[in-house]
N, C-alpha and C. Protein backbone atom coordinates (compact mmCIF):
# COMPACT_ATOMS: atom_id res chain seq x y z
N MET A 1 81.38 89.76 99.19
CA MET A 1 80.44 89.81 98.22
C MET A 1 81.06 90.43 96.96
N LYS A 2 80.96 89.97 95.80
CA LYS A 2 81.58 90.68 94.59
C LYS A 2 80.83 91.91 94.31
N THR A 3 81.60 92.98 94.12
CA THR A 3 80.89 94.24 93.72
C THR A 3 80.89 94.45 92.11
N ASN A 4 81.56 93.57 91.38
CA ASN A 4 81.73 93.81 89.99
C ASN A 4 80.86 92.70 89.31
N ALA A 5 79.99 92.12 89.93
CA ALA A 5 79.08 91.06 89.36
C ALA A 5 78.08 91.72 88.37
N MET A 6 77.79 91.01 87.31
CA MET A 6 76.96 91.52 86.31
C MET A 6 75.57 92.11 86.99
N PRO A 7 75.06 93.34 86.43
CA PRO A 7 73.88 94.01 86.94
C PRO A 7 72.67 93.00 87.07
N THR A 8 72.42 92.15 86.04
CA THR A 8 71.26 91.29 86.24
C THR A 8 71.54 90.32 87.24
N PHE A 9 72.67 89.81 87.40
CA PHE A 9 72.83 88.98 88.46
C PHE A 9 72.86 89.49 89.85
N ARG A 10 73.34 90.74 89.91
CA ARG A 10 73.17 91.51 91.28
C ARG A 10 71.61 91.61 91.71
N SER A 11 70.80 92.08 90.72
CA SER A 11 69.39 92.19 91.00
C SER A 11 68.96 90.77 91.38
N LEU A 12 69.15 89.78 90.61
CA LEU A 12 68.67 88.45 90.84
C LEU A 12 68.98 87.96 92.22
N ALA A 13 70.39 88.10 92.51
CA ALA A 13 70.76 87.62 93.88
C ALA A 13 69.94 88.39 94.94
N PHE A 14 69.91 89.78 94.78
CA PHE A 14 69.28 90.45 95.94
C PHE A 14 67.84 90.03 95.95
N LEU A 15 67.12 89.82 95.04
CA LEU A 15 65.58 89.66 95.05
C LEU A 15 65.32 88.18 95.44
N THR A 16 66.05 87.23 94.83
CA THR A 16 65.71 85.93 95.14
C THR A 16 66.28 85.51 96.47
N ILE A 17 67.36 86.00 97.01
CA ILE A 17 67.80 85.66 98.25
C ILE A 17 66.99 86.26 99.41
N LEU A 18 66.24 87.38 99.14
CA LEU A 18 65.35 87.95 100.18
C LEU A 18 64.20 87.15 100.24
N LEU A 19 63.76 86.63 99.06
CA LEU A 19 62.42 85.85 99.01
C LEU A 19 62.56 84.31 99.41
N SER A 20 63.82 83.80 99.52
CA SER A 20 63.93 82.40 99.46
C SER A 20 63.35 81.84 100.87
N ALA A 21 63.37 82.51 101.91
CA ALA A 21 62.97 81.81 103.12
C ALA A 21 61.38 81.71 103.21
N SER A 22 60.68 82.57 102.68
CA SER A 22 59.23 82.56 102.76
C SER A 22 58.26 82.36 101.58
N PHE A 23 58.83 82.61 100.45
CA PHE A 23 57.93 82.59 99.29
C PHE A 23 57.61 81.31 98.82
N PRO A 24 58.53 80.18 98.96
CA PRO A 24 58.18 78.87 98.45
C PRO A 24 57.00 78.20 99.23
N THR A 25 56.76 78.56 100.51
CA THR A 25 55.71 78.13 101.31
C THR A 25 54.32 78.41 100.91
N LEU A 26 54.19 79.55 100.11
CA LEU A 26 52.92 80.10 99.76
C LEU A 26 52.14 80.43 101.02
N ALA A 27 52.79 80.79 102.11
CA ALA A 27 52.15 80.84 103.43
C ALA A 27 51.41 82.14 103.61
N LYS A 28 50.48 82.24 104.73
CA LYS A 28 49.97 83.48 105.07
C LYS A 28 50.87 84.28 105.96
N ASP A 29 51.67 83.50 106.72
CA ASP A 29 52.59 84.15 107.71
C ASP A 29 53.95 84.67 106.88
N HIS A 30 54.43 85.81 107.20
CA HIS A 30 55.65 86.31 106.57
C HIS A 30 56.61 86.91 107.62
N LEU A 31 57.93 86.64 107.31
CA LEU A 31 58.93 87.12 108.17
C LEU A 31 59.12 88.62 107.82
N LEU A 32 59.07 89.49 108.85
CA LEU A 32 59.08 90.99 108.69
C LEU A 32 60.65 91.29 108.81
N GLY A 33 61.36 91.17 107.63
CA GLY A 33 62.66 91.53 107.54
C GLY A 33 63.60 90.93 108.50
N PRO A 34 64.55 91.80 108.99
CA PRO A 34 65.47 91.24 109.95
C PRO A 34 65.10 91.38 111.42
N THR A 35 63.66 91.61 111.61
CA THR A 35 63.26 91.66 112.96
C THR A 35 63.07 90.37 113.79
N GLY A 36 62.71 89.32 112.90
CA GLY A 36 62.54 87.98 113.47
C GLY A 36 61.05 87.84 113.75
N ILE A 37 60.28 88.66 113.45
CA ILE A 37 58.74 88.52 113.66
C ILE A 37 58.13 87.91 112.38
N MET A 38 57.37 86.92 112.74
CA MET A 38 56.50 86.22 111.87
C MET A 38 55.19 86.73 112.08
N ALA A 39 54.42 87.27 110.89
CA ALA A 39 53.11 87.96 111.21
C ALA A 39 52.26 87.81 110.06
N GLN A 40 50.99 88.07 110.15
CA GLN A 40 49.91 88.09 109.19
C GLN A 40 49.54 89.61 108.98
N ALA A 41 49.43 89.99 107.83
CA ALA A 41 48.94 91.35 107.55
C ALA A 41 47.43 91.30 107.70
N LYS A 42 46.91 92.12 108.55
CA LYS A 42 45.49 92.33 108.70
C LYS A 42 45.13 93.72 108.43
N GLY A 43 44.81 94.11 107.28
CA GLY A 43 44.46 95.51 106.98
C GLY A 43 45.72 96.22 107.10
N ASN A 44 45.74 97.30 107.90
CA ASN A 44 46.85 98.09 108.24
C ASN A 44 47.45 97.73 109.50
N GLU A 45 47.47 96.43 109.90
CA GLU A 45 48.11 96.05 111.09
C GLU A 45 48.84 94.71 110.78
N PHE A 46 49.66 94.43 111.69
CA PHE A 46 50.51 93.05 111.71
C PHE A 46 50.06 92.25 112.95
N LEU A 47 49.46 91.01 112.75
CA LEU A 47 49.21 90.17 113.94
C LEU A 47 50.42 89.16 114.02
N VAL A 48 51.08 89.17 115.17
CA VAL A 48 52.22 88.44 115.40
C VAL A 48 51.77 86.90 115.56
N GLN A 49 52.56 86.08 114.78
CA GLN A 49 52.26 84.74 114.80
C GLN A 49 53.50 83.93 115.39
N GLY A 50 54.60 84.56 115.63
CA GLY A 50 55.67 83.89 116.10
C GLY A 50 57.00 84.78 116.09
N ILE A 51 57.94 84.30 116.97
CA ILE A 51 59.18 85.15 117.07
C ILE A 51 60.30 84.24 116.77
N ASP A 52 61.33 84.44 116.01
CA ASP A 52 62.49 83.61 115.84
C ASP A 52 63.47 83.77 117.05
N PRO A 53 63.80 82.61 117.63
CA PRO A 53 64.73 82.61 118.75
C PRO A 53 66.03 83.39 118.39
N GLY A 54 66.48 84.31 119.35
CA GLY A 54 67.74 84.97 119.05
C GLY A 54 67.52 86.24 118.23
N SER A 55 66.34 86.55 117.80
CA SER A 55 66.18 87.58 116.82
C SER A 55 66.03 88.98 117.67
N PRO A 56 65.97 90.20 117.12
CA PRO A 56 65.82 91.30 117.75
C PRO A 56 64.55 91.44 118.39
N ALA A 57 63.46 90.66 118.01
CA ALA A 57 62.19 90.67 118.63
C ALA A 57 62.02 89.80 119.70
N GLU A 58 62.90 88.89 119.85
CA GLU A 58 62.89 87.95 121.08
C GLU A 58 62.68 88.57 122.39
N GLU A 59 61.71 88.15 123.23
CA GLU A 59 61.34 88.76 124.58
C GLU A 59 60.89 90.10 124.52
N LYS A 60 60.64 90.64 123.30
CA LYS A 60 60.11 91.88 123.15
C LYS A 60 58.57 91.86 122.70
N LEU A 61 58.28 90.86 121.96
CA LEU A 61 56.94 90.60 121.33
C LEU A 61 56.59 89.06 121.59
N LYS A 62 55.26 88.78 121.44
CA LYS A 62 54.78 87.44 121.59
C LYS A 62 53.65 87.24 120.63
N LYS A 63 53.38 85.97 120.52
CA LYS A 63 52.35 85.62 119.62
C LYS A 63 50.86 86.21 120.14
N GLY A 64 50.18 86.92 119.10
CA GLY A 64 48.87 87.60 119.47
C GLY A 64 49.09 89.08 119.70
N ASP A 65 50.33 89.49 119.77
CA ASP A 65 50.43 91.00 119.70
C ASP A 65 50.11 91.55 118.31
N THR A 66 49.73 92.78 118.33
CA THR A 66 49.32 93.47 116.97
C THR A 66 50.14 94.73 116.99
N ILE A 67 50.88 94.83 115.79
CA ILE A 67 51.68 95.93 115.60
C ILE A 67 50.82 96.81 114.62
N ILE A 68 50.78 98.18 115.17
CA ILE A 68 49.92 99.03 114.46
C ILE A 68 50.69 100.31 113.86
N GLY A 69 51.90 100.44 114.29
CA GLY A 69 52.80 101.39 113.77
C GLY A 69 54.30 101.14 113.96
N ALA A 70 55.19 102.03 113.17
CA ALA A 70 56.44 101.91 113.33
C ALA A 70 57.12 103.25 113.17
N ALA A 71 58.26 103.41 113.70
CA ALA A 71 59.09 104.78 113.66
C ALA A 71 58.34 105.86 114.14
N GLY A 72 57.40 105.67 115.21
CA GLY A 72 56.77 106.73 115.71
C GLY A 72 55.47 107.09 115.06
N LYS A 73 55.10 106.37 114.10
CA LYS A 73 53.89 106.75 113.19
C LYS A 73 53.10 105.53 113.08
N PRO A 74 51.65 105.63 113.07
CA PRO A 74 50.70 104.63 112.88
C PRO A 74 50.70 104.39 111.40
N PHE A 75 50.53 103.06 111.08
CA PHE A 75 50.43 102.70 109.54
C PHE A 75 49.23 103.32 109.03
N SER A 76 49.24 103.92 107.91
CA SER A 76 48.16 104.73 107.34
C SER A 76 47.59 104.16 105.93
N LYS A 77 48.41 103.74 105.08
CA LYS A 77 48.03 103.47 103.79
C LYS A 77 48.49 101.98 103.48
N ASN A 78 49.66 101.70 103.66
CA ASN A 78 50.32 100.48 103.26
C ASN A 78 51.30 99.93 104.34
N ALA A 79 50.79 99.15 105.25
CA ALA A 79 51.68 98.63 106.42
C ALA A 79 52.97 98.14 105.95
N ARG A 80 52.85 97.35 104.89
CA ARG A 80 54.17 96.56 104.56
C ARG A 80 55.15 97.58 104.12
N GLN A 81 54.76 98.56 103.23
CA GLN A 81 55.76 99.61 102.74
C GLN A 81 56.29 100.48 103.82
N GLU A 82 55.35 100.80 104.72
CA GLU A 82 55.76 101.56 105.78
C GLU A 82 56.62 100.92 106.84
N PHE A 83 56.35 99.59 106.99
CA PHE A 83 57.25 98.91 107.93
C PHE A 83 58.58 98.77 107.27
N ALA A 84 58.68 98.53 105.98
CA ALA A 84 59.86 98.33 105.38
C ALA A 84 60.64 99.63 105.39
N GLY A 85 59.99 100.76 105.17
CA GLY A 85 60.60 102.12 105.24
C GLY A 85 61.22 102.36 106.65
N ALA A 86 60.41 101.93 107.70
CA ALA A 86 60.96 102.23 109.04
C ALA A 86 62.27 101.22 109.27
N ILE A 87 62.29 100.03 108.76
CA ILE A 87 63.42 99.24 108.83
C ILE A 87 64.61 99.95 108.16
N ASP A 88 64.28 100.43 106.93
CA ASP A 88 65.52 101.08 106.17
C ASP A 88 66.08 102.18 106.98
N GLN A 89 65.08 103.09 107.64
CA GLN A 89 65.41 104.17 108.37
C GLN A 89 66.28 103.75 109.60
N ALA A 90 65.88 102.68 110.20
CA ALA A 90 66.67 102.32 111.39
C ALA A 90 68.06 101.91 111.04
N GLU A 91 68.13 101.03 110.00
CA GLU A 91 69.42 100.49 109.42
C GLU A 91 70.38 101.56 109.03
N ALA A 92 69.86 102.65 108.57
CA ALA A 92 70.59 103.68 108.11
C ALA A 92 71.19 104.65 109.32
N SER A 93 70.73 104.40 110.39
CA SER A 93 71.19 105.13 111.60
C SER A 93 71.84 104.24 112.54
N LYS A 94 71.30 104.17 113.74
CA LYS A 94 71.88 103.33 114.87
C LYS A 94 71.18 102.06 115.05
N GLY A 95 70.26 101.72 114.24
CA GLY A 95 69.58 100.43 114.31
C GLY A 95 68.39 100.40 115.19
N ASN A 96 67.97 101.43 115.72
CA ASN A 96 66.74 101.44 116.69
C ASN A 96 65.57 101.54 115.83
N LEU A 97 64.60 100.58 116.14
CA LEU A 97 63.33 100.52 115.52
C LEU A 97 62.29 100.46 116.41
N PRO A 98 61.44 101.66 116.63
CA PRO A 98 60.44 101.92 117.51
C PRO A 98 59.18 101.31 116.88
N LEU A 99 58.40 100.50 117.64
CA LEU A 99 57.10 99.97 117.26
C LEU A 99 56.09 100.28 118.18
N THR A 100 54.92 100.45 117.55
CA THR A 100 53.67 100.63 118.45
C THR A 100 52.68 99.50 118.41
N LEU A 101 52.28 99.04 119.52
CA LEU A 101 51.35 97.99 119.61
C LEU A 101 50.00 98.40 120.00
N LYS A 102 48.89 97.66 119.47
CA LYS A 102 47.65 97.87 119.84
C LYS A 102 47.51 97.99 121.38
N GLY A 103 46.78 99.07 121.84
CA GLY A 103 46.62 99.25 123.24
C GLY A 103 47.51 100.43 123.64
N GLY A 104 48.49 100.84 122.60
CA GLY A 104 49.33 102.08 123.07
C GLY A 104 50.74 101.67 123.44
N GLN A 105 50.99 100.42 123.75
CA GLN A 105 52.40 100.00 124.26
C GLN A 105 53.36 100.27 123.13
N LYS A 106 54.50 100.74 123.47
CA LYS A 106 55.67 101.14 122.67
C LYS A 106 56.84 100.21 122.93
N ILE A 107 57.49 99.62 121.92
CA ILE A 107 58.72 98.96 122.26
C ILE A 107 59.77 99.31 121.30
N SER A 108 60.98 98.93 121.41
CA SER A 108 62.08 99.18 120.47
C SER A 108 62.87 98.04 120.16
N LEU A 109 63.13 97.70 118.90
CA LEU A 109 63.94 96.65 118.52
C LEU A 109 65.31 97.19 118.06
N GLN A 110 66.41 96.32 118.52
CA GLN A 110 67.81 96.89 118.01
C GLN A 110 68.19 95.97 116.84
N LEU A 111 68.18 96.72 115.58
CA LEU A 111 68.65 96.05 114.35
C LEU A 111 70.17 96.37 114.09
N GLN A 112 70.82 95.63 113.28
CA GLN A 112 72.05 95.96 112.77
C GLN A 112 72.27 97.07 111.96
N SER A 113 73.10 98.08 112.29
CA SER A 113 73.26 99.22 111.60
C SER A 113 74.03 98.87 110.11
N LEU A 114 73.30 99.15 109.01
CA LEU A 114 73.89 98.83 107.71
C LEU A 114 74.10 99.95 106.79
N GLY A 115 73.79 101.19 107.21
CA GLY A 115 74.00 102.22 106.39
C GLY A 115 72.69 102.31 105.46
N SER A 116 72.90 103.27 104.52
CA SER A 116 71.77 103.63 103.48
C SER A 116 72.04 102.99 102.07
N TYR A 117 71.02 102.67 101.35
CA TYR A 117 71.14 102.10 100.01
C TYR A 117 71.69 103.23 99.16
N SER A 118 72.59 102.83 98.24
CA SER A 118 73.21 103.83 97.33
C SER A 118 72.18 104.04 96.30
N LYS A 119 72.46 105.11 95.43
CA LYS A 119 71.47 105.62 94.46
C LYS A 119 71.44 104.52 93.36
N THR A 120 72.48 103.67 93.28
CA THR A 120 72.59 102.82 92.10
C THR A 120 72.29 101.33 92.61
N ALA A 121 71.79 101.20 93.95
CA ALA A 121 71.42 99.92 94.48
C ALA A 121 70.54 99.18 93.52
N PRO A 122 70.75 97.78 93.35
CA PRO A 122 71.57 96.96 94.10
C PRO A 122 73.06 96.96 93.68
N TRP A 123 73.42 97.82 92.71
CA TRP A 123 74.82 97.67 92.19
C TRP A 123 75.61 98.85 92.98
N ASN A 124 76.93 98.50 93.24
CA ASN A 124 77.82 99.37 93.86
C ASN A 124 77.23 99.93 95.14
N CYS A 125 76.71 98.96 96.05
CA CYS A 125 75.90 99.40 97.38
C CYS A 125 76.44 98.48 98.42
N GLN A 126 77.11 99.00 99.24
CA GLN A 126 77.53 98.25 100.42
C GLN A 126 76.47 97.71 101.25
N LYS A 127 75.38 98.34 101.39
CA LYS A 127 74.24 97.86 102.18
C LYS A 127 73.67 96.61 101.40
N THR A 128 73.47 96.59 100.12
CA THR A 128 73.01 95.48 99.41
C THR A 128 73.91 94.22 99.54
N ASP A 129 75.27 94.55 99.44
CA ASP A 129 76.22 93.40 99.58
C ASP A 129 76.20 92.93 101.02
N ALA A 130 76.01 93.73 101.96
CA ALA A 130 75.84 93.21 103.35
C ALA A 130 74.71 92.30 103.63
N ILE A 131 73.58 92.76 103.04
CA ILE A 131 72.20 92.09 103.25
C ILE A 131 72.39 90.52 102.61
N ILE A 132 72.97 90.67 101.25
CA ILE A 132 73.04 89.46 100.59
C ILE A 132 74.03 88.39 101.35
N THR A 133 75.17 89.00 101.82
CA THR A 133 76.01 88.09 102.44
C THR A 133 75.50 87.45 103.65
N ARG A 134 74.79 88.37 104.46
CA ARG A 134 74.21 87.89 105.69
C ARG A 134 73.21 86.84 105.62
N ILE A 135 72.33 86.93 104.59
CA ILE A 135 71.30 85.95 104.35
C ILE A 135 71.79 84.69 103.89
N ALA A 136 72.80 84.85 102.79
CA ALA A 136 73.32 83.80 102.30
C ALA A 136 74.15 82.92 103.22
N ASP A 137 74.81 83.48 104.14
CA ASP A 137 75.62 82.84 105.19
C ASP A 137 74.50 82.11 106.16
N GLN A 138 73.41 82.73 106.39
CA GLN A 138 72.40 82.11 107.09
C GLN A 138 71.74 80.94 106.46
N MET A 139 71.44 80.96 105.19
CA MET A 139 71.08 79.83 104.46
C MET A 139 71.90 78.76 104.48
N LEU A 140 73.31 79.00 104.27
CA LEU A 140 74.20 77.85 104.45
C LEU A 140 74.18 77.11 105.66
N GLU A 141 74.13 78.02 106.85
CA GLU A 141 74.23 77.43 108.14
C GLU A 141 72.90 76.67 108.43
N SER A 142 71.78 77.01 108.08
CA SER A 142 70.50 76.53 108.41
C SER A 142 70.00 75.50 107.37
N LYS A 143 70.60 75.43 106.15
CA LYS A 143 70.27 74.58 105.16
C LYS A 143 68.84 74.86 104.65
N THR A 144 68.26 76.04 104.80
CA THR A 144 66.98 76.29 104.44
C THR A 144 66.68 76.14 102.95
N PHE A 145 67.84 76.19 102.13
CA PHE A 145 67.61 76.28 100.63
C PHE A 145 67.56 74.82 100.05
N VAL A 146 67.95 73.81 100.90
CA VAL A 146 68.08 72.56 100.41
C VAL A 146 66.97 71.87 99.76
N ASN A 147 65.98 71.33 100.47
CA ASN A 147 64.92 70.53 99.94
C ASN A 147 63.72 71.32 99.75
N ASN A 148 63.52 71.88 98.59
CA ASN A 148 62.35 72.78 98.27
C ASN A 148 61.98 72.54 96.82
N GLN A 149 60.69 72.43 96.57
CA GLN A 149 60.30 72.22 95.19
C GLN A 149 60.36 73.59 94.42
N MET A 150 60.29 74.68 95.08
CA MET A 150 60.46 75.94 94.44
C MET A 150 61.76 76.64 94.85
N PRO A 151 62.88 76.21 94.09
CA PRO A 151 64.18 76.51 94.61
C PRO A 151 64.65 77.91 94.50
N VAL A 152 64.06 78.85 95.00
CA VAL A 152 64.61 80.26 94.84
C VAL A 152 65.88 80.45 95.54
N GLY A 153 66.05 79.55 96.65
CA GLY A 153 67.38 79.85 97.44
C GLY A 153 68.51 79.21 96.62
N TYR A 154 68.47 78.28 95.78
CA TYR A 154 69.51 77.90 94.90
C TYR A 154 69.75 78.98 93.97
N ILE A 155 68.70 79.48 93.35
CA ILE A 155 68.94 80.61 92.39
C ILE A 155 69.72 81.78 92.99
N GLY A 156 69.34 82.26 94.16
CA GLY A 156 69.90 83.28 94.75
C GLY A 156 71.40 82.96 95.05
N LEU A 157 71.77 81.84 95.58
CA LEU A 157 73.05 81.53 95.93
C LEU A 157 74.00 81.49 94.72
N LEU A 158 73.37 80.93 93.66
CA LEU A 158 74.11 80.81 92.33
C LEU A 158 74.40 82.18 91.84
N ALA A 159 73.42 83.11 92.01
CA ALA A 159 73.49 84.60 91.35
C ALA A 159 74.61 85.36 92.11
N THR A 160 75.03 84.93 93.33
CA THR A 160 76.10 85.74 94.05
C THR A 160 77.46 85.50 93.33
N GLY A 161 77.62 84.42 92.64
CA GLY A 161 78.89 84.22 92.02
C GLY A 161 80.02 83.92 92.99
N GLU A 162 79.79 83.74 94.37
CA GLU A 162 80.75 83.48 95.30
C GLU A 162 80.99 81.95 95.39
N LYS A 163 82.39 81.56 95.45
CA LYS A 163 82.70 80.22 95.46
C LYS A 163 82.18 79.42 96.56
N LYS A 164 82.10 79.93 97.90
CA LYS A 164 81.59 79.16 98.94
C LYS A 164 80.29 78.81 98.79
N TYR A 165 79.45 79.72 98.18
CA TYR A 165 77.97 79.47 97.94
C TYR A 165 77.82 78.49 96.74
N LEU A 166 78.68 78.70 95.74
CA LEU A 166 78.46 77.76 94.58
C LEU A 166 78.83 76.43 94.99
N ASP A 167 79.79 76.26 95.90
CA ASP A 167 80.33 74.86 96.39
C ASP A 167 79.04 74.08 96.99
N ALA A 168 78.41 75.09 97.85
CA ALA A 168 77.24 74.42 98.65
C ALA A 168 76.21 73.90 97.65
N VAL A 169 76.00 74.70 96.57
CA VAL A 169 75.00 74.38 95.55
C VAL A 169 75.33 73.01 94.89
N LYS A 170 76.64 72.95 94.62
CA LYS A 170 77.16 71.83 93.95
C LYS A 170 76.88 70.45 94.72
N VAL A 171 77.00 70.61 96.02
CA VAL A 171 76.79 69.45 96.84
C VAL A 171 75.36 69.04 96.91
N GLU A 172 74.50 69.92 97.08
CA GLU A 172 73.07 69.84 97.33
C GLU A 172 72.18 69.53 96.22
N LEU A 173 72.28 70.49 95.10
CA LEU A 173 71.29 70.59 94.02
C LEU A 173 71.29 69.27 93.25
N PRO A 174 72.34 68.59 92.81
CA PRO A 174 72.22 67.32 92.11
C PRO A 174 71.46 66.22 92.80
N LYS A 175 71.37 66.30 94.17
CA LYS A 175 70.70 65.37 94.96
C LYS A 175 69.12 65.49 94.95
N GLN A 176 68.66 66.59 94.44
CA GLN A 176 67.19 66.96 94.45
C GLN A 176 66.52 66.07 93.42
N PRO A 177 65.23 65.51 93.76
CA PRO A 177 64.56 64.72 92.90
C PRO A 177 64.30 65.42 91.46
N TRP A 178 64.13 66.76 91.43
CA TRP A 178 63.78 67.45 90.19
C TRP A 178 65.05 67.82 89.49
N ALA A 179 66.31 67.31 90.01
CA ALA A 179 67.54 67.41 89.16
C ALA A 179 67.82 66.18 88.37
N LYS A 180 66.92 65.27 88.46
CA LYS A 180 67.02 63.99 87.91
C LYS A 180 66.05 63.89 86.68
N ALA A 181 66.32 63.09 85.59
CA ALA A 181 65.47 63.00 84.42
C ALA A 181 63.98 62.55 85.00
N PRO A 182 62.84 63.16 84.44
CA PRO A 182 61.54 62.88 85.08
C PRO A 182 61.10 61.50 84.53
N ASP A 183 60.30 60.87 85.24
CA ASP A 183 59.71 59.60 84.94
C ASP A 183 58.70 59.76 83.77
N PRO A 184 58.93 59.27 82.58
CA PRO A 184 57.99 59.51 81.43
C PRO A 184 56.57 59.16 81.81
N ALA A 185 56.18 58.20 82.48
CA ALA A 185 54.86 57.74 82.97
C ALA A 185 54.14 58.90 83.84
N VAL A 186 54.98 59.31 84.76
CA VAL A 186 54.45 60.35 85.65
C VAL A 186 54.22 61.64 84.88
N LEU A 187 55.10 62.09 84.06
CA LEU A 187 55.03 63.20 83.17
C LEU A 187 53.81 63.13 82.38
N ALA A 188 53.59 61.91 81.70
CA ALA A 188 52.46 61.87 80.72
C ALA A 188 51.09 61.85 81.62
N ALA A 189 51.06 61.30 82.72
CA ALA A 189 49.81 61.46 83.59
C ALA A 189 49.46 62.89 84.00
N LEU A 190 50.51 63.71 84.30
CA LEU A 190 50.35 65.13 84.55
C LEU A 190 49.76 65.85 83.37
N LEU A 191 50.41 65.71 82.34
CA LEU A 191 50.12 66.49 81.01
C LEU A 191 48.77 65.92 80.48
N GLU A 192 48.31 64.69 80.75
CA GLU A 192 47.05 64.25 80.22
C GLU A 192 46.02 64.55 81.11
N GLY A 193 46.22 65.13 82.35
CA GLY A 193 45.25 65.30 83.23
C GLY A 193 44.85 64.19 84.20
N ASP A 194 45.59 63.13 84.20
CA ASP A 194 45.34 61.89 85.14
C ASP A 194 45.60 62.30 86.55
N LYS A 195 46.60 63.13 86.76
CA LYS A 195 47.03 63.61 88.04
C LYS A 195 46.87 65.07 88.20
N ASP A 196 46.55 65.53 89.48
CA ASP A 196 46.37 66.97 89.58
C ASP A 196 47.63 67.70 89.45
N LEU A 197 47.59 68.74 88.67
CA LEU A 197 48.88 69.51 88.39
C LEU A 197 49.24 70.37 89.58
N GLY A 198 48.13 70.88 90.40
CA GLY A 198 48.47 71.68 91.49
C GLY A 198 49.25 73.02 91.15
N TYR A 199 50.31 73.17 92.01
CA TYR A 199 51.24 74.33 91.71
C TYR A 199 52.47 73.95 90.67
N ILE A 200 52.30 72.89 90.11
CA ILE A 200 53.39 72.24 89.27
C ILE A 200 53.96 73.27 88.26
N GLY A 201 53.23 74.21 87.74
CA GLY A 201 53.75 75.16 86.87
C GLY A 201 54.80 76.14 87.53
N TRP A 202 54.44 76.45 88.72
CA TRP A 202 55.33 77.33 89.62
C TRP A 202 56.58 76.55 89.76
N TYR A 203 56.41 75.38 90.21
CA TYR A 203 57.62 74.45 90.56
C TYR A 203 58.50 74.25 89.34
N TRP A 204 57.97 73.77 88.28
CA TRP A 204 58.71 73.56 87.19
C TRP A 204 59.46 74.85 86.68
N GLY A 205 58.71 75.96 86.73
CA GLY A 205 59.32 77.10 86.25
C GLY A 205 60.67 77.50 86.92
N TYR A 206 60.58 77.36 88.40
CA TYR A 206 61.79 77.79 89.20
C TYR A 206 62.79 76.71 89.10
N GLN A 207 62.34 75.42 88.97
CA GLN A 207 63.29 74.34 88.90
C GLN A 207 64.11 74.48 87.65
N MET A 208 63.51 74.79 86.44
CA MET A 208 64.21 74.87 85.19
C MET A 208 65.20 76.06 85.22
N ILE A 209 64.91 77.11 85.94
CA ILE A 209 65.81 78.23 86.04
C ILE A 209 67.05 77.83 86.92
N ALA A 210 66.74 77.18 88.05
CA ALA A 210 67.89 76.64 88.98
C ALA A 210 68.67 75.75 88.25
N LEU A 211 68.01 74.76 87.51
CA LEU A 211 68.99 73.84 86.68
C LEU A 211 69.79 74.47 85.47
N ALA A 212 69.12 75.42 84.84
CA ALA A 212 69.90 76.04 83.80
C ALA A 212 71.05 76.93 84.38
N GLU A 213 70.83 77.76 85.26
CA GLU A 213 71.80 78.49 85.90
C GLU A 213 72.88 77.59 86.46
N TYR A 214 72.52 76.63 87.17
CA TYR A 214 73.53 75.78 87.73
C TYR A 214 74.43 75.08 86.55
N HIS A 215 73.82 74.67 85.57
CA HIS A 215 74.65 74.05 84.54
C HIS A 215 75.64 75.17 83.91
N LEU A 216 75.10 76.41 83.67
CA LEU A 216 75.93 77.49 83.11
C LEU A 216 77.09 77.87 84.10
N ALA A 217 76.82 77.75 85.41
CA ALA A 217 77.69 78.17 86.33
C ALA A 217 78.90 77.14 86.57
N THR A 218 78.51 75.87 86.67
CA THR A 218 79.22 74.77 86.93
C THR A 218 79.79 73.84 85.68
N GLY A 219 78.99 73.90 84.77
CA GLY A 219 79.39 72.94 83.42
C GLY A 219 78.94 71.59 83.85
N ASP A 220 78.19 71.23 84.94
CA ASP A 220 77.80 69.97 85.32
C ASP A 220 76.76 69.43 84.45
N LYS A 221 76.97 68.44 83.57
CA LYS A 221 76.06 67.97 82.64
C LYS A 221 75.07 67.01 83.11
N SER A 222 75.10 66.55 84.26
CA SER A 222 74.30 65.60 84.93
C SER A 222 72.84 66.05 85.07
N VAL A 223 72.69 67.37 85.00
CA VAL A 223 71.36 67.87 85.11
C VAL A 223 70.61 68.23 83.83
N LEU A 224 71.28 68.00 82.78
CA LEU A 224 70.72 68.23 81.44
C LEU A 224 69.45 67.31 81.16
N PRO A 225 69.52 66.00 81.50
CA PRO A 225 68.25 65.27 81.29
C PRO A 225 67.03 65.82 81.98
N ALA A 226 67.19 66.35 83.08
CA ALA A 226 66.08 67.03 83.80
C ALA A 226 65.51 68.21 83.09
N LEU A 227 66.47 68.99 82.50
CA LEU A 227 66.09 70.22 81.69
C LEU A 227 65.38 69.66 80.38
């Protein structure tokens, strides 16, 4: 990962690449960082909805379990922030993440040791670089960024500035329906209220960002009609 990337792009890469897996779905279930746990937040608890195969949580948790604490402490005010803090603490040391389940059961997940965030994070930060690289590589392998109406994955990969990620975007982005010039009749029907707009404001916003950044990064003029 480039350490001399422009600050705005470093921030953009870090934020969008972390959001890319779950944000576009507008779902109630959320992936709890690198644990592999899909869960719903219920007050100050997390109700487990699923476990990613091969993740640190595999065979440690199951659907229906309720997480009530992390790092030896019960969640008190904001479970999301406290869980994130526990992950950061674990990654800064040997990767051990203790969790407490409803009923008193205690388990421990083994995360990858990544060190601590620098004071200037996400710039000049080895941990930030490691997280971006790890997730970007996973996105390329799984193709999770490819077919999505809210393309934060494309934006994140573009923001890395890395050739292998840009090459993947060059292959996939021009194939997307939103990378083509819109049908005037469909567009008119949407704007005149003949068709339900739904979440189209969200979709168009992110699509325009992805198309503009793609054009700036590659010089590909084929996407200009869509813009």
